[in-house]
Amino acid sequence: MTLAVGGVGALVFWWLNAPVYMLLGPVIAVSVLGLGGVRTSVDPRLRDACFVVLGIAVGAGFNHDAVNAMVRWPLAFVFMTGVIWGIMAVCRWMLSRHFGFDARSALLASAPGHLSFVMAIASDGGSDVARISITQSVRLLALTIVVPFAALAMGVDMTGNIAPPGAGMGVLSIVLLVAGAVVVGLIFSKLSVPAPLLMGAMVVSAIAHLTQLETGVLPGWLTLIAYLVLGSLIGTRFSGMTPARFASGLGAGLAITGVAMGLAGLGAVPVAWALGMPLGHVLVAFAPGGLETMIALGAVLAVVPGFVAACHIMRLVVLSVLLPAMLARLNRQEKPAE
């Protein structure tokens, strides 16, 4: 039922000529279904298959120009670190001052990503887990919807390239890439790499295309189905949630989304200028949305393959260090008052 509703949403958004209709339509349709009290879900096996397909599709865009561009990416990582710190500092103050969050919960709710890591810390520390979860879920939903339209406003054509153009892969090539993606994904899982199947598939596909072992792309219908599954998966975050509970975190979630997008845009401007990349492309790399979602959007935008993935993985790395450090500083500040 979840995928059927997602499919209806995709058709409606296609009829409306919306950007990335195969992603946004299911996101909104399934979210509305969940907020109506219906339990929605996507089978984990289908989810994993979706990540493998998306990873192969993204990796198919790798070429030697992309490799040559990698030496310039550290500049983006430096600016991204500053953007992440700024987002957390401003959002923490805003949530404490205007939305009634305690200091610790405000800091955790303001973290721009790494949701599983954030929720684990919140659960262990006695923070307002429910409110943090709703606020973060609203951020992810809002960014998924806003980023494509922001890119469209910047002049990026997002209406005709959801499925990558090019000669199709043969069945044997697809089978071999999928097998390789699963093996590397399992290795990445053991190493605690984020989104291991997605990243494993992207690495395997990139190597195959860089070495010219494979030069084709996945069939368009397969890529479109993967976007449909991903959009439906995002929408399941609101499964069974009551409108009242959703409303309790809506204002805070939209507020931190606005701050995050504003600061990400400011950070993206000098990086786009220095790297000679379109601003819309860098914005997708800096937007603090879900890792899988932003990588998929990067593929639609035809961003330098790997750039979006590298930036979002770096965001998780920075958060893994910065969030505990900021929490430790907060604890030291609160001790004298006890």
Protein backbone atom coordinates (compact mmCIF):
# COMPACT_ATOMS: atom_id res chain seq x y z
CA MET A 1 0.00 0.00 0.00
CA THR A 2 2.85 2.39 0.83
CA LEU A 3 4.42 2.03 -2.63
CA ALA A 4 1.01 2.26 -4.32
CA VAL A 5 0.33 5.58 -2.58
CA GLY A 6 3.85 6.68 -3.48
CA GLY A 7 3.14 5.81 -7.11
CA VAL A 8 -0.03 7.91 -7.08
CA GLY A 9 1.96 10.80 -5.64
CA ALA A 10 4.54 10.44 -8.41
CA LEU A 11 1.82 10.54 -11.07
CA VAL A 12 0.26 13.66 -9.55
CA PHE A 13 3.61 15.45 -9.40
CA TRP A 14 4.40 14.35 -12.96
CA TRP A 15 1.08 15.85 -14.06
CA LEU A 16 1.99 19.06 -12.20
CA ASN A 17 5.37 19.08 -13.99
CA ALA A 18 7.15 19.24 -10.61
CA PRO A 19 10.93 18.72 -10.42
CA VAL A 20 12.10 15.21 -9.47
CA TYR A 21 8.49 14.05 -9.44
CA MET A 22 9.45 10.41 -8.80
CA LEU A 23 11.00 11.48 -5.47
CA LEU A 24 8.90 14.40 -4.26
CA GLY A 25 5.52 12.87 -5.15
CA PRO A 26 6.02 9.74 -3.02
CA VAL A 27 7.59 11.76 -0.19
CA ILE A 28 4.56 13.98 0.21
CA ALA A 29 1.90 11.35 -0.54
CA VAL A 30 3.28 8.80 1.95
CA SER A 31 3.92 11.51 4.59
CA VAL A 32 0.29 12.62 4.35
CA LEU A 33 -0.84 9.00 4.65
CA GLY A 34 1.27 8.54 7.78
CA LEU A 35 -0.02 11.76 9.33
CA GLY A 36 -3.51 10.43 8.75
CA GLY A 37 -2.73 7.70 11.27
CA VAL A 38 -1.91 4.94 8.78
CA ARG A 39 1.12 2.75 9.43
CA THR A 40 3.42 2.90 6.44
CA SER A 41 6.59 0.93 5.76
CA VAL A 42 9.00 -0.22 3.06
CA ASP A 43 10.39 -3.75 3.16
CA PRO A 44 14.07 -3.60 4.24
CA ARG A 45 15.06 -5.84 1.31
CA LEU A 46 13.43 -3.47 -1.15
CA ARG A 47 15.09 -0.52 0.59
CA ASP A 48 18.51 -2.16 0.25
CA ALA A 49 17.87 -2.96 -3.43
CA CYS A 50 16.91 0.69 -3.96
CA PHE A 51 20.21 1.86 -2.45
CA VAL A 52 22.21 -0.50 -4.65
CA VAL A 53 20.45 0.75 -7.80
CA LEU A 54 20.95 4.40 -6.86
CA GLY A 55 24.62 3.78 -6.03
CA ILE A 56 25.25 2.16 -9.41
CA ALA A 57 23.42 4.99 -11.17
CA VAL A 58 25.51 7.66 -9.41
CA GLY A 59 28.77 5.77 -9.98
CA ALA A 60 28.04 5.52 -13.70
CA GLY A 61 28.67 9.25 -13.99
CA PHE A 62 32.29 9.05 -12.85
CA ASN A 63 34.95 10.02 -15.39
CA HIS A 64 38.51 11.30 -15.35
CA ASP A 65 37.33 14.91 -15.15
CA ALA A 66 35.67 14.04 -11.85
CA VAL A 67 38.89 12.52 -10.52
CA ASN A 68 40.88 15.61 -11.54
CA ALA A 69 38.39 17.82 -9.69
CA MET A 70 38.85 15.94 -6.41
CA VAL A 71 42.08 17.75 -5.56
CA ARG A 72 40.07 20.97 -5.19
CA TRP A 73 37.42 19.56 -2.84
CA PRO A 74 39.24 20.13 0.51
CA LEU A 75 38.28 23.80 0.22
CA ALA A 76 34.64 22.75 0.26
CA PHE A 77 35.20 20.63 3.38
CA VAL A 78 36.74 23.59 5.24
CA PHE A 79 33.76 25.81 4.46
CA MET A 80 31.35 22.98 5.28
CA THR A 81 32.85 22.60 8.76
CA GLY A 82 32.24 26.29 9.41
CA VAL A 83 28.68 26.03 8.08
CA ILE A 84 27.90 23.06 10.35
CA TRP A 85 29.20 24.86 13.43
CA GLY A 86 27.21 27.96 12.51
CA ILE A 87 24.00 25.98 12.00
CA MET A 88 24.30 24.29 15.37
CA ALA A 89 25.20 27.48 17.24
CA VAL A 90 22.38 29.57 15.77
CA CYS A 91 19.74 26.81 15.92
CA ARG A 92 20.61 25.88 19.49
CA TRP A 93 20.14 29.49 20.60
CA MET A 94 16.90 29.81 18.63
CA LEU A 95 15.36 26.58 19.93
CA SER A 96 16.24 27.46 23.54
CA ARG A 97 15.09 31.07 23.28
CA HIS A 98 11.93 30.78 21.20
CA PHE A 99 10.72 27.16 21.31
CA GLY A 100 11.26 26.17 24.95
CA PHE A 101 13.93 23.49 24.42
CA ASP A 102 16.35 22.79 27.24
CA ALA A 103 19.98 23.45 26.27
CA ARG A 104 20.94 19.81 25.64
CA SER A 105 17.82 18.96 23.63
CA ALA A 106 18.22 22.18 21.62
CA LEU A 107 21.78 21.24 20.67
CA LEU A 108 20.78 17.71 19.63
CA ALA A 109 17.74 18.93 17.67
CA SER A 110 19.93 21.45 15.83
CA ALA A 111 22.43 18.86 14.57
CA PRO A 112 22.26 19.00 10.74
CA GLY A 113 22.29 15.26 10.10
CA HIS A 114 23.61 11.98 11.52
CA LEU A 115 20.14 11.26 12.94
CA SER A 116 20.85 7.77 14.30
CA PHE A 117 23.91 9.11 16.15
CA VAL A 118 21.91 12.05 17.51
CA MET A 119 19.02 9.88 18.71
CA ALA A 120 21.39 7.44 20.43
CA ILE A 121 22.94 10.30 22.41
CA ALA A 122 19.50 11.72 23.19
CA SER A 123 18.23 8.37 24.48
CA ASP A 124 21.24 7.85 26.73
CA GLY A 125 21.23 11.38 28.13
CA GLY A 126 17.61 11.78 29.15
CA SER A 127 16.82 14.46 26.57
CA ASP A 128 13.38 15.11 25.07
CA VAL A 129 13.70 12.28 22.54
CA ALA A 130 10.21 12.59 21.02
CA ARG A 131 10.52 16.31 20.37
CA ILE A 132 14.03 15.97 18.96
CA SER A 133 12.86 13.19 16.64
CA ILE A 134 9.89 15.18 15.30
CA THR A 135 11.99 18.32 14.78
CA GLN A 136 14.67 16.39 12.92
CA SER A 137 12.10 14.54 10.80
CA VAL A 138 10.49 17.83 9.78
CA ARG A 139 13.95 19.11 8.78
CA LEU A 140 14.57 16.09 6.56
CA LEU A 141 11.14 16.34 4.93
CA ALA A 142 11.40 20.08 4.39
CA LEU A 143 14.88 19.89 2.87
CA THR A 144 13.84 17.08 0.53
CA ILE A 145 11.06 19.31 -0.76
CA VAL A 146 12.89 22.65 -0.73
CA VAL A 147 16.25 21.72 -2.31
CA PRO A 148 14.89 20.71 -5.77
CA PHE A 149 12.84 23.91 -6.02
CA ALA A 150 15.79 26.01 -4.82
CA ALA A 151 17.97 24.42 -7.50
CA LEU A 152 15.24 25.00 -10.07
CA ALA A 153 15.11 28.68 -9.07
CA MET A 154 18.86 28.89 -9.70
CA GLY A 155 18.34 27.85 -13.28
CA VAL A 156 19.14 24.15 -13.01
CA ASP A 157 17.13 21.99 -15.43
CA MET A 158 15.60 19.23 -13.31
CA THR A 159 12.69 18.17 -15.48
CA GLY A 160 14.23 15.79 -17.96
CA ASN A 161 17.20 14.00 -16.40
CA ILE A 162 15.81 11.88 -13.57
CA ALA A 163 16.96 8.75 -15.38
CA PRO A 164 20.52 9.19 -16.74
CA PRO A 165 20.88 9.22 -20.53
CA GLY A 166 23.23 6.89 -22.38
CA ALA A 167 23.54 3.38 -23.76
CA GLY A 168 22.01 0.76 -21.49
CA MET A 169 24.02 -1.84 -19.60
CA GLY A 170 23.69 -5.49 -20.49
CA VAL A 171 22.04 -7.93 -18.11
CA LEU A 172 25.37 -9.61 -17.27
CA SER A 173 26.96 -6.24 -16.45
CA ILE A 174 24.09 -5.36 -14.13
CA VAL A 175 24.31 -8.71 -12.34
CA LEU A 176 28.08 -8.38 -11.86
CA LEU A 177 27.81 -4.80 -10.61
CA VAL A 178 25.05 -5.72 -8.16
CA ALA A 179 27.09 -8.66 -6.85
CA GLY A 180 30.16 -6.48 -6.43
CA ALA A 181 28.08 -3.75 -4.77
CA VAL A 182 26.68 -6.18 -2.20
CA VAL A 183 30.14 -7.53 -1.32
CA VAL A 184 31.69 -4.09 -0.94
CA GLY A 185 28.59 -2.86 0.88
CA LEU A 186 28.91 -5.64 3.45
CA ILE A 187 32.57 -4.70 3.96
CA PHE A 188 31.61 -1.05 4.40
CA SER A 189 28.94 -2.11 6.90
CA LYS A 190 31.59 -3.84 9.00
CA LEU A 191 33.64 -0.63 8.86
CA SER A 192 30.61 1.46 9.95
CA VAL A 193 30.55 3.46 6.70
CA PRO A 194 27.27 5.47 6.40
CA ALA A 195 24.74 4.03 3.92
CA PRO A 196 27.08 1.09 3.17
CA LEU A 197 25.13 -0.46 0.29
CA LEU A 198 24.67 2.88 -1.44
CA MET A 199 28.34 3.78 -1.03
CA GLY A 200 29.52 0.28 -1.96
CA ALA A 201 27.47 0.31 -5.16
CA MET A 202 28.74 3.78 -6.03
CA VAL A 203 32.39 2.76 -5.56
CA VAL A 204 32.04 -0.44 -7.61
CA SER A 205 30.20 1.35 -10.41
CA ALA A 206 32.69 4.24 -10.41
CA ILE A 207 35.67 1.87 -10.70
CA ALA A 208 34.00 -0.04 -13.52
CA HIS A 209 33.32 3.16 -15.47
CA LEU A 210 36.71 4.79 -14.80
CA THR A 211 38.50 1.67 -16.04
CA GLN A 212 36.13 1.40 -19.04
CA LEU A 213 35.09 -2.09 -17.99
CA GLU A 214 31.57 -0.73 -18.30
CA THR A 215 30.41 2.37 -20.16
CA GLY A 216 26.62 2.10 -20.05
CA VAL A 217 23.93 3.22 -17.64
CA LEU A 218 21.11 1.41 -15.87
CA PRO A 219 17.75 1.15 -17.66
CA GLY A 220 15.71 4.27 -17.04
CA TRP A 221 12.72 2.39 -15.64
CA LEU A 222 14.90 0.78 -12.97
CA THR A 223 16.30 4.12 -11.82
CA LEU A 224 12.81 5.63 -11.70
CA ILE A 225 11.56 2.77 -9.51
CA ALA A 226 14.50 3.34 -7.15
CA TYR A 227 13.49 7.00 -6.78
CA LEU A 228 9.91 5.93 -6.09
CA VAL A 229 11.07 3.58 -3.32
CA LEU A 230 13.39 6.21 -1.82
CA GLY A 231 10.64 8.82 -1.77
CA SER A 232 8.22 6.39 -0.13
CA LEU A 233 10.90 5.46 2.41
CA ILE A 234 11.38 9.10 3.42
CA GLY A 235 7.64 9.50 3.85
CA THR A 236 7.46 6.58 6.30
CA ARG A 237 9.20 8.73 8.95
CA PHE A 238 5.72 10.02 9.80
CA SER A 239 4.10 6.59 9.96
CA GLY A 240 1.19 6.61 12.41
CA MET A 241 2.09 10.07 13.75
CA THR A 242 -0.88 12.14 14.87
CA PRO A 243 -1.32 15.63 13.40
CA ALA A 244 -1.11 17.11 16.91
CA ARG A 245 2.23 15.46 17.56
CA PHE A 246 3.50 16.56 14.18
CA ALA A 247 2.36 20.13 14.84
CA SER A 248 4.29 20.16 18.13
CA GLY A 249 7.57 19.99 16.24
CA LEU A 250 6.57 21.68 12.98
CA GLY A 251 7.52 25.24 13.93
CA ALA A 252 10.90 24.27 15.36
CA GLY A 253 11.63 21.98 12.40
CA LEU A 254 10.83 24.67 9.84
CA ALA A 255 12.86 27.23 11.78
CA ILE A 256 16.03 25.14 11.84
CA THR A 257 15.46 24.26 8.17
CA GLY A 258 15.40 27.95 7.29
CA VAL A 259 18.59 28.63 9.23
CA ALA A 260 20.33 25.57 7.77
CA MET A 261 19.43 26.47 4.18
CA GLY A 262 20.42 30.10 4.68
CA LEU A 263 23.85 29.30 6.12
CA ALA A 264 24.42 26.48 3.61
CA GLY A 265 23.67 28.95 0.81
CA LEU A 266 26.12 31.49 2.24
CA GLY A 267 28.82 28.84 2.51
CA ALA A 268 28.12 27.54 -0.98
CA VAL A 269 28.70 30.90 -2.71
CA PRO A 270 32.50 31.18 -2.18
CA VAL A 271 32.99 27.45 -2.79
CA ALA A 272 31.06 27.59 -6.09
CA TRP A 273 33.15 30.58 -7.17
CA ALA A 274 36.47 29.00 -6.16
CA LEU A 275 35.72 25.59 -7.73
CA GLY A 276 34.04 26.98 -10.83
CA MET A 277 30.87 24.97 -10.16
CA PRO A 278 27.23 26.08 -10.49
CA LEU A 279 25.87 27.42 -7.20
CA GLY A 280 22.90 25.06 -7.33
CA HIS A 281 25.23 22.06 -7.44
CA VAL A 282 27.24 23.18 -4.41
CA LEU A 283 24.03 23.97 -2.53
CA VAL A 284 22.89 20.35 -2.88
CA ALA A 285 26.29 19.25 -1.52
CA PHE A 286 25.98 21.61 1.46
CA ALA A 287 22.24 21.16 2.19
CA PRO A 288 21.98 19.18 5.46
CA GLY A 289 19.39 16.68 4.28
CA GLY A 290 19.47 12.89 4.36
CA LEU A 291 22.62 11.30 2.93
CA GLU A 292 20.84 8.99 0.49
CA THR A 293 18.38 11.68 -0.60
CA MET A 294 21.00 14.35 -1.28
CA ILE A 295 23.19 11.91 -3.22
CA ALA A 296 20.18 10.94 -5.35
CA LEU A 297 19.38 14.60 -5.98
CA GLY A 298 23.00 15.18 -6.91
CA ALA A 299 22.67 12.55 -9.61
CA VAL A 300 19.57 14.28 -11.00
CA LEU A 301 21.44 17.60 -11.06
CA ALA A 302 24.40 15.96 -12.85
CA VAL A 303 26.77 17.34 -10.21
CA VAL A 304 30.42 16.24 -10.53
CA PRO A 305 29.92 12.59 -9.46
CA GLY A 306 31.22 11.96 -5.99
CA PHE A 307 31.22 15.63 -4.95
CA VAL A 308 27.84 15.50 -3.22
CA ALA A 309 28.63 12.12 -1.64
CA ALA A 310 32.02 13.31 -0.41
CA CYS A 311 30.55 16.48 1.11
CA HIS A 312 27.75 14.67 2.90
CA ILE A 313 30.03 11.97 4.27
CA MET A 314 32.36 14.71 5.50
CA ARG A 315 29.33 16.34 7.17
CA LEU A 316 28.74 13.15 9.15
CA VAL A 317 32.44 12.93 10.07
CA VAL A 318 32.46 16.55 11.28
CA LEU A 319 29.27 15.98 13.30
CA SER A 320 30.77 12.87 14.89
CA VAL A 321 33.53 15.06 16.33
CA LEU A 322 31.80 18.42 16.76
CA LEU A 323 28.58 17.29 18.47
CA PRO A 324 30.27 15.42 21.38
CA ALA A 325 32.69 18.33 21.80
CA MET A 326 29.84 20.85 22.01
CA LEU A 327 27.93 18.62 24.42
CA ALA A 328 31.01 18.30 26.64
CA ARG A 329 31.41 22.08 26.67
CA LEU A 330 27.73 22.47 27.54
CA ASN A 331 28.11 20.03 30.45
CA ARG A 332 31.08 21.99 31.78
CA GLN A 333 29.07 25.22 31.62
CA GLU A 334 26.14 23.70 33.51
CA LYS A 335 28.18 22.17 36.36
CA PRO A 336 28.69 25.38 38.42
CA ALA A 337 24.93 25.94 38.45
CA GLU A 338 24.22 22.56 40.01
